Amino acid sequence: MSKRFRNISGPEIRRQRMAQELSQDQLAARLQLAGLDHMDRVAVAKIESQIRSAFDWELAAIAEVLGVEVSVLLPGKQKLKKELPDLIRGNRSD
């Protein structure tokens, strides 16, 4: 079965959020306070589940709110190389 695949940072965003013991609602609220008015719990959930794209400026704001460098949210070279074809196609098989 194929599912949408729109970003590669979602799982790391989830890890960082959970490490800080934040709910998706809490992260969304902090992102809204940082100026991302459109970022509600559903948007956070979709990014974390990799079914919504994350713009570069959204990724920068997420990193800032989580207190990490943007590079922490991005995959290493090996993971990117492995997942890039699926990301380009917009789907993958699991």
C-alpha atoms as a PDB file:
ATOM      1  CA  MET A   1       0.000   0.000   0.000  1.00  0.00           C
ATOM      2  CA  SER A   2       1.292   3.422  -0.932  1.00  0.00           C
ATOM      3  CA  LYS A   3       0.950   6.435   1.319  1.00  0.00           C
ATOM      4  CA  ARG A   4       1.685  10.091   0.823  1.00  0.00           C
ATOM      5  CA  PHE A   5       5.197  11.172   1.658  1.00  0.00           C
ATOM      6  CA  ARG A   6       5.617  14.944   1.825  1.00  0.00           C
ATOM      7  CA  ASN A   7       8.569  15.645   4.120  1.00  0.00           C
ATOM      8  CA  ILE A   8      11.536  13.938   5.652  1.00  0.00           C
ATOM      9  CA  SER A   9      11.712  15.878   8.933  1.00  0.00           C
ATOM     10  CA  GLY A  10       8.448  14.795  10.524  1.00  0.00           C
ATOM     11  CA  PRO A  11       9.752  11.864  12.582  1.00  0.00           C
ATOM     12  CA  GLU A  12      12.567  13.971  14.054  1.00  0.00           C
ATOM     13  CA  ILE A  13      10.149  16.805  14.863  1.00  0.00           C
ATOM     14  CA  ARG A  14       8.026  14.252  16.733  1.00  0.00           C
ATOM     15  CA  ARG A  15      11.091  12.909  18.595  1.00  0.00           C
ATOM     16  CA  GLN A  16      12.166  16.404  19.620  1.00  0.00           C
ATOM     17  CA  ARG A  17       8.637  17.347  20.726  1.00  0.00           C
ATOM     18  CA  MET A  18       8.217  14.174  22.765  1.00  0.00           C
ATOM     19  CA  ALA A  19      11.670  14.549  24.339  1.00  0.00           C
ATOM     20  CA  GLN A  20      10.450  17.895  25.670  1.00  0.00           C
ATOM     21  CA  GLU A  21       7.192  16.292  26.826  1.00  0.00           C
ATOM     22  CA  LEU A  22       5.110  18.616  24.672  1.00  0.00           C
ATOM     23  CA  SER A  23       1.763  17.626  23.220  1.00  0.00           C
ATOM     24  CA  GLN A  24       0.981  18.472  19.613  1.00  0.00           C
ATOM     25  CA  ASP A  25      -1.420  21.124  20.943  1.00  0.00           C
ATOM     26  CA  GLN A  26       1.333  22.682  23.039  1.00  0.00           C
ATOM     27  CA  LEU A  27       3.774  22.759  20.131  1.00  0.00           C
ATOM     28  CA  ALA A  28       1.088  24.258  17.886  1.00  0.00           C
ATOM     29  CA  ALA A  29       0.349  26.956  20.472  1.00  0.00           C
ATOM     30  CA  ARG A  30       4.044  27.855  20.714  1.00  0.00           C
ATOM     31  CA  LEU A  31       4.312  27.983  16.932  1.00  0.00           C
ATOM     32  CA  GLN A  32       1.299  30.287  16.781  1.00  0.00           C
ATOM     33  CA  LEU A  33       2.908  32.572  19.351  1.00  0.00           C
ATOM     34  CA  ALA A  34       6.023  32.563  17.151  1.00  0.00           C
ATOM     35  CA  GLY A  35       3.950  33.868  14.238  1.00  0.00           C
ATOM     36  CA  LEU A  36       2.743  30.729  12.476  1.00  0.00           C
ATOM     37  CA  ASP A  37      -0.956  31.461  12.936  1.00  0.00           C
ATOM     38  CA  HIS A  38      -1.935  28.639  10.576  1.00  0.00           C
ATOM     39  CA  MET A  39      -0.089  25.952  12.549  1.00  0.00           C
ATOM     40  CA  ASP A  40      -2.711  24.106  14.586  1.00  0.00           C
ATOM     41  CA  ARG A  41      -2.563  20.631  16.122  1.00  0.00           C
ATOM     42  CA  VAL A  42      -3.765  19.016  12.892  1.00  0.00           C
ATOM     43  CA  ALA A  43      -0.981  20.690  10.884  1.00  0.00           C
ATOM     44  CA  VAL A  44       1.617  19.529  13.428  1.00  0.00           C
ATOM     45  CA  ALA A  45       0.218  15.982  13.292  1.00  0.00           C
ATOM     46  CA  LYS A  46       0.308  15.957   9.490  1.00  0.00           C
ATOM     47  CA  ILE A  47       3.904  17.194   9.393  1.00  0.00           C
ATOM     48  CA  GLU A  48       4.975  14.623  11.973  1.00  0.00           C
ATOM     49  CA  SER A  49       3.172  11.889   9.998  1.00  0.00           C
ATOM     50  CA  GLN A  50       4.879  13.078   6.802  1.00  0.00           C
ATOM     51  CA  ILE A  51       1.596  13.663   4.979  1.00  0.00           C
ATOM     52  CA  ARG A  52       2.012  17.465   4.821  1.00  0.00           C
ATOM     53  CA  SER A  53       4.914  19.372   3.381  1.00  0.00           C
ATOM     54  CA  ALA A  54       6.848  21.703   5.639  1.00  0.00           C
ATOM     55  CA  PHE A  55       8.107  24.931   4.104  1.00  0.00           C
ATOM     56  CA  ASP A  56      11.663  25.952   4.903  1.00  0.00           C
ATOM     57  CA  TRP A  57      10.470  28.915   6.953  1.00  0.00           C
ATOM     58  CA  GLU A  58       8.116  26.641   8.914  1.00  0.00           C
ATOM     59  CA  LEU A  59      11.002  24.270   9.607  1.00  0.00           C
ATOM     60  CA  ALA A  60      13.098  27.203  10.836  1.00  0.00           C
ATOM     61  CA  ALA A  61      10.308  28.293  13.194  1.00  0.00           C
ATOM     62  CA  ILE A  62       9.753  24.737  14.441  1.00  0.00           C
ATOM     63  CA  ALA A  63      13.473  24.384  15.167  1.00  0.00           C
ATOM     64  CA  GLU A  64      13.522  27.699  17.014  1.00  0.00           C
ATOM     65  CA  VAL A  65      10.488  26.814  19.121  1.00  0.00           C
ATOM     66  CA  LEU A  66      11.995  23.411  19.943  1.00  0.00           C
ATOM     67  CA  GLY A  67      15.323  25.065  20.760  1.00  0.00           C
ATOM     68  CA  VAL A  68      17.356  23.076  18.242  1.00  0.00           C
ATOM     69  CA  GLU A  69      19.269  23.877  15.085  1.00  0.00           C
ATOM     70  CA  VAL A  70      17.416  23.255  11.813  1.00  0.00           C
ATOM     71  CA  SER A  71      20.096  20.695  10.941  1.00  0.00           C
ATOM     72  CA  VAL A  72      18.888  18.522  13.839  1.00  0.00           C
ATOM     73  CA  LEU A  73      15.530  18.182  12.082  1.00  0.00           C
ATOM     74  CA  LEU A  74      17.100  17.177   8.773  1.00  0.00           C
ATOM     75  CA  PRO A  75      18.233  13.646   7.975  1.00  0.00           C
ATOM     76  CA  GLY A  76      21.775  12.527   7.499  1.00  0.00           C
ATOM     77  CA  LYS A  77      23.148  11.924   4.029  1.00  0.00           C
ATOM     78  CA  GLN A  78      22.466   8.161   4.088  1.00  0.00           C
ATOM     79  CA  LYS A  79      18.809   8.499   5.081  1.00  0.00           C
ATOM     80  CA  LEU A  80      18.244  11.267   2.570  1.00  0.00           C
ATOM     81  CA  LYS A  81      19.824   9.224  -0.204  1.00  0.00           C
ATOM     82  CA  LYS A  82      17.619   6.251   0.670  1.00  0.00           C
ATOM     83  CA  GLU A  83      14.346   8.190   0.941  1.00  0.00           C
ATOM     84  CA  LEU A  84      14.826  10.877  -1.715  1.00  0.00           C
ATOM     85  CA  PRO A  85      13.283   8.920  -4.626  1.00  0.00           C
ATOM     86  CA  ASP A  86      10.114   8.254  -2.600  1.00  0.00           C
ATOM     87  CA  LEU A  87       9.990  11.869  -1.475  1.00  0.00           C
ATOM     88  CA  ILE A  88      10.286  13.110  -5.056  1.00  0.00           C
ATOM     89  CA  ARG A  89       7.459  10.792  -6.144  1.00  0.00           C
ATOM     90  CA  GLY A  90       5.382  11.888  -3.176  1.00  0.00           C
ATOM     91  CA  ASN A  91       4.652   8.388  -1.953  1.00  0.00           C
ATOM     92  CA  ARG A  92       6.245   5.269  -0.645  1.00  0.00           C
ATOM     93  CA  SER A  93       5.359   1.720   0.154  1.00  0.00           C
ATOM     94  CA  ASP A  94       5.373   0.574   3.760  1.00  0.00           C
END
